[in-house]
Amino acid sequence: MDPPRTSESTALLGRYHEEGLPRESIAEGMGQYVSTEVLGIRRNNLGSRLELEAHQQKMRRRLLAASIFVGHMTLWAIFFRFTQDWNWIESAYFVVVTVTTVGYGDYFPSDDWRPAHLLFIWISLTIVTFCIGILMENASESGLKLIDSSFTSRHHRVVVRILVSLCVLVLWMFIGAFTYRVLEGWSWLDSFYFTTVTAGTIGYGRVTPTNDLSRLVSIFYIFIAVISVGNCINSILAGIMALQELENRKRLYCTKLDISRLKAMDKSGDQSIDELEFVMFMLIKSDLVEQDDIDEIRDFFAMHDSNNDGKIDISELQKGSKDLFRKIQDRRDNHGSGLRRGESTAAPPKPYRKL
């Protein structure tokens, strides 16, 4: 059942449709720019619908990327199956080893098909990188949310992320080494050597699978190892950098405020600072935001503050809905046409001071 609407909300929605505003602009305007008291609509219900549409769009993108990826791999496996003296497993194994840039060198096409091989490499580098990027987008988001919800301290969250990534890295190395030790009868040293050069996409070729069962397992293990190990290493390095940033911020926040720093914060020149100036200065100094971000947010506020009184009320939103959406659309068009970030067509509000 749709939530009840007041007479004001019905009239306002009618104005939106009469003006021919696109659906996303109506939803965005209702959800973000028009007060719930005016519309008579529960904001959380609208937000849930928008989140559902965004999730469905993301899933469609992933499904399309997966279809393109599987189709690309399958077509080239078929091609090499009938142009080389390889069976199906060997053809698929060669395709996987090539697109992941592992390249052991144990399989390569004949010279007669070298032009087709070059075409395969360049197409694969483009398509596979694009598809994997979409498929792996926010892949670890659920795990990170679980970690963030379990720890209140930012320092603890970062440390746990590093430890989890390290454990996953070691786990995949051990699983691979154990698997190939069983399948190939290699020593532990050779098994770890093979999994290391595989996960690192180095692929020296000194140790390679020698039977179809090992190659079949490698088709799946190579993809999982290369992607998982790469993500783990990125997460570990990002965590180390995050710890350093937290330490730098801690030192900044513990530094005593003196006259020189106060003058640096005082952009108005009145020999004093208010809370807003202090917060903005510390955010920029901590590299949490940039001055361009602050300017853009303040310009965005100014677009809604039609009276230039430093406040936004219901009457301004209700009366200026048409002009507001036109300003928003102009802002998007201007940003898309290459205007400098933070530059806006809206006039700055009079009572504001430049930070």
Protein backbone atom coordinates (compact mmCIF):
# COMPACT_ATOMS: atom_id res chain seq x y z
CA MET A 1 0.00 0.00 0.00
CA ASP A 2 1.29 3.45 -0.92
CA PRO A 3 1.84 5.82 2.02
CA PRO A 4 -0.78 8.57 2.46
CA ARG A 5 -0.27 11.87 0.73
CA THR A 6 -1.34 15.31 1.85
CA SER A 7 -3.00 17.80 -0.49
CA GLU A 8 0.31 19.71 -0.69
CA SER A 9 2.21 16.59 -1.71
CA THR A 10 -0.38 15.70 -4.36
CA ALA A 11 -0.18 19.18 -5.86
CA LEU A 12 3.60 19.13 -5.74
CA LEU A 13 3.83 15.77 -7.49
CA GLY A 14 1.43 17.07 -10.11
CA ARG A 15 3.77 20.01 -10.76
CA TYR A 16 6.70 17.61 -11.21
CA HIS A 17 4.85 15.61 -13.87
CA GLU A 18 3.56 18.74 -15.64
CA GLU A 19 7.12 20.06 -15.89
CA GLY A 20 8.22 16.81 -17.51
CA LEU A 21 10.97 16.10 -15.00
CA PRO A 22 12.67 12.72 -15.43
CA ARG A 23 11.80 9.93 -13.02
CA GLU A 24 15.16 9.94 -11.28
CA SER A 25 14.94 13.69 -10.70
CA ILE A 26 11.49 13.33 -9.14
CA ALA A 27 12.69 10.54 -6.86
CA GLU A 28 15.85 12.42 -5.97
CA GLY A 29 13.95 15.59 -5.32
CA MET A 30 11.37 13.84 -3.16
CA GLY A 31 13.99 11.94 -1.25
CA GLN A 32 16.57 14.66 -0.74
CA TYR A 33 15.25 18.13 -1.39
CA VAL A 34 11.59 18.19 -0.32
CA SER A 35 10.62 17.88 3.31
CA THR A 36 8.78 14.77 4.40
CA GLU A 37 6.26 16.96 6.25
CA VAL A 38 5.27 18.53 2.92
CA LEU A 39 5.14 15.33 0.92
CA GLY A 40 3.55 13.16 3.58
CA ILE A 41 5.74 10.26 2.51
CA ARG A 42 8.04 8.21 4.68
CA ARG A 43 11.61 9.00 3.63
CA ASN A 44 12.89 5.55 4.57
CA ASN A 45 10.40 3.84 2.22
CA LEU A 46 11.56 5.96 -0.71
CA GLY A 47 15.18 5.37 0.22
CA SER A 48 14.58 1.62 0.28
CA ARG A 49 13.11 1.70 -3.22
CA LEU A 50 16.04 3.72 -4.52
CA GLU A 51 18.50 1.34 -2.86
CA LEU A 52 16.66 -1.62 -4.39
CA GLU A 53 16.84 -0.08 -7.87
CA ALA A 54 20.55 0.62 -7.40
CA HIS A 55 21.12 -2.97 -6.25
CA GLN A 56 19.20 -4.36 -9.22
CA GLN A 57 21.19 -2.19 -11.60
CA LYS A 58 24.44 -3.40 -10.03
CA MET A 59 23.34 -7.04 -10.35
CA ARG A 60 22.43 -6.53 -14.01
CA ARG A 61 25.89 -5.08 -14.64
CA ARG A 62 27.52 -8.04 -12.94
CA LEU A 63 25.38 -10.52 -14.86
CA LEU A 64 26.31 -8.83 -18.13
CA ALA A 65 30.01 -8.79 -17.19
CA ALA A 66 29.90 -12.48 -16.20
CA SER A 67 28.20 -13.38 -19.48
CA ILE A 68 30.77 -11.48 -21.54
CA PHE A 69 33.63 -13.01 -19.53
CA VAL A 70 32.41 -16.61 -19.84
CA GLY A 71 31.54 -16.13 -23.51
CA HIS A 72 34.98 -14.70 -24.27
CA MET A 73 36.79 -17.54 -22.50
CA THR A 74 34.60 -20.20 -24.12
CA LEU A 75 34.96 -18.89 -27.65
CA TRP A 76 38.75 -18.74 -27.47
CA ALA A 77 38.93 -22.18 -25.85
CA ILE A 78 36.93 -23.53 -28.80
CA PHE A 79 39.19 -21.68 -31.22
CA PHE A 80 42.40 -23.17 -29.79
CA ARG A 81 40.79 -26.58 -29.46
CA PHE A 82 40.31 -26.81 -33.23
CA THR A 83 43.42 -24.91 -34.37
CA GLN A 84 45.97 -26.59 -32.08
CA ASP A 85 46.65 -30.20 -31.23
CA TRP A 86 45.15 -29.79 -27.75
CA ASN A 87 42.23 -31.35 -25.93
CA TRP A 88 39.48 -29.33 -24.24
CA ILE A 89 41.22 -29.13 -20.88
CA GLU A 90 44.52 -28.05 -22.43
CA SER A 91 42.76 -25.37 -24.51
CA ALA A 92 40.90 -23.95 -21.50
CA TYR A 93 44.09 -24.15 -19.42
CA PHE A 94 46.02 -22.16 -22.03
CA VAL A 95 43.31 -19.49 -22.21
CA VAL A 96 43.24 -19.06 -18.41
CA VAL A 97 47.03 -18.95 -18.11
CA THR A 98 47.16 -16.31 -20.83
CA VAL A 99 44.36 -13.97 -19.70
CA THR A 100 45.66 -13.95 -16.11
CA THR A 101 49.16 -13.11 -17.48
CA VAL A 102 50.65 -16.05 -15.54
CA GLY A 103 52.16 -17.46 -18.74
CA TYR A 104 54.09 -20.58 -17.68
CA GLY A 105 55.28 -21.16 -21.22
CA ASP A 106 54.39 -24.85 -21.22
CA TYR A 107 51.73 -24.24 -23.91
CA PHE A 108 51.89 -21.82 -26.82
CA PRO A 109 50.23 -21.76 -30.26
CA SER A 110 52.05 -22.65 -33.45
CA ASP A 111 53.65 -19.92 -35.55
CA ASP A 112 50.93 -20.28 -38.19
CA TRP A 113 48.40 -18.83 -35.74
CA ARG A 114 50.61 -16.14 -34.24
CA PRO A 115 48.49 -13.19 -35.57
CA ALA A 116 45.37 -14.73 -34.00
CA HIS A 117 47.31 -15.20 -30.77
CA LEU A 118 48.25 -11.51 -30.70
CA LEU A 119 44.61 -10.56 -31.28
CA PHE A 120 43.56 -12.91 -28.47
CA ILE A 121 46.03 -11.32 -26.04
CA TRP A 122 44.97 -7.72 -26.67
CA ILE A 123 41.25 -8.47 -26.63
CA SER A 124 41.64 -10.50 -23.44
CA LEU A 125 43.59 -7.78 -21.65
CA THR A 126 40.78 -5.34 -22.38
CA ILE A 127 37.67 -7.47 -21.87
CA VAL A 128 38.83 -9.59 -18.95
CA THR A 129 40.19 -6.63 -16.99
CA PHE A 130 36.93 -4.74 -17.50
CA CYS A 131 34.72 -7.69 -16.55
CA ILE A 132 36.71 -8.72 -13.48
CA GLY A 133 36.69 -5.11 -12.30
CA ILE A 134 32.88 -5.10 -12.36
CA LEU A 135 32.53 -8.57 -10.84
CA MET A 136 34.92 -7.79 -7.99
CA GLU A 137 33.44 -4.38 -7.26
CA ASN A 138 32.68 -4.20 -3.53
CA ALA A 139 33.27 -7.99 -3.35
CA SER A 140 34.65 -7.75 0.19
CA GLU A 141 32.10 -5.16 1.33
CA SER A 142 30.09 -7.62 3.47
CA GLY A 143 33.17 -8.84 5.30
CA LEU A 144 34.38 -5.29 5.92
CA LYS A 145 30.97 -4.27 7.28
CA LEU A 146 31.07 -7.23 9.67
CA ILE A 147 34.51 -6.18 10.90
CA ASP A 148 33.47 -2.53 11.24
CA SER A 149 30.36 -3.47 13.22
CA SER A 150 32.39 -5.64 15.61
CA PHE A 151 34.94 -2.99 16.60
CA THR A 152 34.33 0.59 17.65
CA SER A 153 37.97 1.71 17.46
CA ARG A 154 39.20 2.71 14.01
CA HIS A 155 42.68 1.49 14.89
CA HIS A 156 41.34 -1.94 15.86
CA ARG A 157 39.27 -2.18 12.67
CA VAL A 158 42.28 -1.48 10.48
CA VAL A 159 44.47 -3.96 12.37
CA VAL A 160 41.82 -6.68 12.11
CA ARG A 161 41.47 -6.05 8.37
CA ILE A 162 45.21 -6.49 7.95
CA LEU A 163 45.22 -9.71 9.98
CA VAL A 164 42.22 -11.14 8.13
CA SER A 165 43.79 -10.37 4.75
CA LEU A 166 47.05 -11.95 5.88
CA CYS A 167 45.24 -15.09 7.04
CA VAL A 168 43.35 -15.38 3.75
CA LEU A 169 46.62 -14.96 1.83
CA VAL A 170 48.35 -17.72 3.80
CA LEU A 171 45.26 -19.94 3.54
CA TRP A 172 45.15 -19.79 -0.26
CA MET A 173 48.86 -20.46 -0.50
CA PHE A 174 48.54 -23.51 1.75
CA ILE A 175 45.45 -24.84 -0.06
CA GLY A 176 47.22 -24.58 -3.39
CA ALA A 177 50.44 -26.15 -2.12
CA PHE A 178 48.58 -29.04 -0.50
CA THR A 179 46.45 -29.63 -3.62
CA TYR A 180 49.38 -29.78 -6.03
CA ARG A 181 51.43 -31.86 -3.61
CA VAL A 182 48.64 -34.47 -3.74
CA LEU A 183 47.96 -34.22 -7.49
CA GLU A 184 51.56 -33.99 -8.72
CA GLY A 185 53.53 -35.59 -5.89
CA TRP A 186 55.75 -32.53 -5.57
CA SER A 187 57.69 -31.63 -2.45
CA TRP A 188 56.35 -28.92 -0.18
CA LEU A 189 59.00 -26.56 -1.49
CA ASP A 190 58.04 -27.13 -5.14
CA SER A 191 54.34 -26.88 -4.27
CA PHE A 192 54.72 -23.54 -2.49
CA TYR A 193 57.04 -22.38 -5.27
CA PHE A 194 54.38 -23.13 -7.90
CA THR A 195 51.53 -21.46 -5.96
CA THR A 196 53.71 -18.39 -5.32
CA VAL A 197 54.71 -17.84 -8.95
CA THR A 198 51.08 -18.50 -9.93
CA ALA A 199 49.44 -16.09 -7.47
CA GLY A 200 52.05 -13.46 -8.29
CA THR A 201 51.41 -13.93 -12.06
CA ILE A 202 55.15 -14.49 -12.48
CA GLY A 203 54.91 -17.94 -14.07
CA TYR A 204 58.56 -18.93 -14.52
CA GLY A 205 57.56 -22.30 -15.97
CA ARG A 206 60.14 -24.32 -14.01
CA VAL A 207 57.32 -26.27 -12.28
CA THR A 208 54.07 -26.77 -14.21
CA PRO A 209 51.10 -29.18 -14.10
CA THR A 210 51.84 -32.45 -15.89
CA ASN A 211 48.41 -34.12 -16.15
CA ASP A 212 44.90 -33.16 -17.20
CA LEU A 213 43.50 -33.36 -13.66
CA SER A 214 46.08 -30.86 -12.42
CA ARG A 215 45.39 -28.59 -15.39
CA LEU A 216 41.64 -28.79 -14.74
CA VAL A 217 42.18 -27.78 -11.11
CA SER A 218 44.55 -25.03 -12.26
CA ILE A 219 41.85 -23.49 -14.46
CA PHE A 220 39.89 -22.59 -11.31
CA TYR A 221 42.75 -22.17 -8.86
CA ILE A 222 44.64 -19.67 -11.03
CA PHE A 223 41.68 -17.31 -11.21
CA ILE A 224 40.87 -17.57 -7.50
CA ALA A 225 44.50 -17.27 -6.39
CA VAL A 226 45.40 -14.34 -8.64
CA ILE A 227 42.33 -12.31 -7.68
CA SER A 228 42.23 -13.23 -3.98
CA VAL A 229 45.94 -12.82 -3.34
CA GLY A 230 45.97 -9.53 -5.22
CA ASN A 231 43.08 -8.21 -3.13
CA CYS A 232 44.72 -9.40 0.09
CA ILE A 233 48.00 -7.67 -0.73
CA ASN A 234 46.17 -4.46 -1.64
CA SER A 235 44.19 -4.64 1.60
CA ILE A 236 47.34 -5.18 3.68
CA LEU A 237 49.17 -2.27 2.07
CA ALA A 238 46.10 -0.04 2.35
CA GLY A 239 45.80 -0.99 6.02
CA ILE A 240 49.41 -0.10 6.71
CA MET A 241 48.91 3.29 5.05
CA ALA A 242 45.69 3.79 7.01
CA LEU A 243 47.51 3.12 10.30
CA GLN A 244 50.09 5.73 9.35
CA GLU A 245 47.34 8.24 8.55
CA LEU A 246 45.63 7.55 11.87
CA GLU A 247 48.91 8.14 13.67
CA ASN A 248 49.44 11.43 11.82
CA ARG A 249 45.93 12.59 12.70
CA LYS A 250 46.44 11.63 16.33
CA ARG A 251 49.55 13.80 16.48
CA LEU A 252 47.66 16.64 14.76
CA TYR A 253 44.73 16.45 17.17
CA CYS A 254 47.07 16.42 20.17
CA THR A 255 49.03 19.46 19.04
CA LYS A 256 48.36 22.48 21.21
CA LEU A 257 46.54 25.34 19.51
CA ASP A 258 48.80 28.39 19.40
CA ILE A 259 48.54 31.87 17.92
CA SER A 260 50.13 30.94 14.59
CA ARG A 261 47.63 28.11 14.02
CA LEU A 262 44.75 30.32 15.08
CA LYS A 263 45.78 32.92 12.49
CA ALA A 264 45.94 30.19 9.85
CA MET A 265 42.34 29.21 10.67
CA ASP A 266 41.09 32.78 10.82
CA LYS A 267 40.11 33.51 7.23
CA SER A 268 37.87 36.42 8.18
CA GLY A 269 40.67 38.39 9.84
CA ASP A 270 38.75 39.18 13.02
CA GLN A 271 41.41 37.63 15.31
CA SER A 272 39.03 34.86 16.37
CA ILE A 273 37.63 31.58 15.04
CA ASP A 274 34.27 29.90 15.48
CA GLU A 275 33.58 26.19 15.65
CA LEU A 276 32.82 25.92 11.93
CA GLU A 277 36.13 27.46 10.95
CA PHE A 278 37.99 25.20 13.37
CA VAL A 279 36.27 22.02 12.16
CA MET A 280 36.76 22.85 8.49
CA PHE A 281 40.43 23.66 9.00
CA MET A 282 41.07 20.42 10.89
CA LEU A 283 39.23 18.32 8.28
CA ILE A 284 41.30 19.81 5.47
CA LYS A 285 44.53 19.59 7.45
CA SER A 286 43.80 15.91 8.22
CA ASP A 287 43.34 15.20 4.47
CA LEU A 288 39.82 13.96 5.16
CA VAL A 289 38.38 16.50 2.71
CA GLU A 290 39.72 19.05 0.27
CA GLN A 291 38.92 22.73 0.01
CA ASP A 292 37.19 22.07 -3.32
CA ASP A 293 34.82 19.63 -1.56
CA ILE A 294 33.96 22.22 1.06
CA ASP A 295 33.36 24.88 -1.58
CA GLU A 296 31.14 22.56 -3.59
CA ILE A 297 29.04 21.59 -0.58
CA ARG A 298 28.60 25.25 0.39
CA ASP A 299 27.61 26.11 -3.17
CA PHE A 300 25.10 23.28 -3.08
CA PHE A 301 23.62 24.72 0.13
CA ALA A 302 23.45 28.14 -1.51
CA MET A 303 21.38 26.71 -4.36
CA HIS A 304 18.68 25.75 -1.85
CA ASP A 305 18.95 28.94 0.23
CA SER A 306 16.97 31.19 -2.09
CA ASN A 307 16.59 33.91 0.58
CA ASN A 308 20.32 34.03 1.31
CA ASP A 309 19.61 33.98 5.04
CA GLY A 310 21.86 31.03 5.84
CA LYS A 311 18.88 28.69 6.42
CA ILE A 312 16.74 26.33 4.35
CA ASP A 313 13.08 26.00 5.26
CA ILE A 314 10.06 24.21 3.87
CA SER A 315 8.66 27.25 2.08
CA GLU A 316 11.85 27.69 0.07
CA LEU A 317 11.72 24.08 -1.08
CA GLN A 318 8.02 24.17 -1.86
CA LYS A 319 8.05 27.46 -3.76
CA GLY A 320 11.32 26.95 -5.56
CA SER A 321 11.05 23.31 -6.62
CA LYS A 322 11.06 24.13 -10.33
CA ASP A 323 14.00 26.51 -10.11
CA LEU A 324 15.79 24.14 -7.77
CA PHE A 325 15.68 21.22 -10.18
CA ARG A 326 16.74 23.50 -13.03
CA LYS A 327 19.75 24.62 -10.96
CA ILE A 328 20.61 21.02 -10.15
CA GLN A 329 20.38 20.00 -13.80
CA ASP A 330 22.50 23.00 -14.84
CA ARG A 331 25.04 22.07 -12.19
CA ARG A 332 25.30 18.51 -13.52
CA ASP A 333 25.59 19.76 -17.10
CA ASN A 334 28.29 22.27 -16.13
CA HIS A 335 30.31 19.65 -14.27
CA GLY A 336 30.00 17.30 -17.23
CA SER A 337 31.19 20.01 -19.61
CA GLY A 338 34.48 20.44 -17.77
CA LEU A 339 33.95 23.27 -15.29
CA ARG A 340 36.46 23.38 -12.48
CA ARG A 341 35.39 21.39 -9.47
CA GLY A 342 33.61 23.55 -6.94
CA GLU A 343 32.58 26.10 -9.58
CA SER A 344 28.88 26.77 -9.50
CA THR A 345 26.40 29.03 -11.24
CA ALA A 346 24.67 29.66 -7.92
CA ALA A 347 25.42 32.95 -6.17
CA PRO A 348 27.22 32.49 -2.84
CA PRO A 349 25.13 33.27 0.24
CA LYS A 350 25.87 36.68 1.69
CA PRO A 351 26.39 35.79 5.36
CA TYR A 352 29.01 33.11 4.62
CA ARG A 353 32.71 33.62 5.06
CA LYS A 354 35.29 31.94 2.90
CA LEU A 355 37.06 29.24 4.89
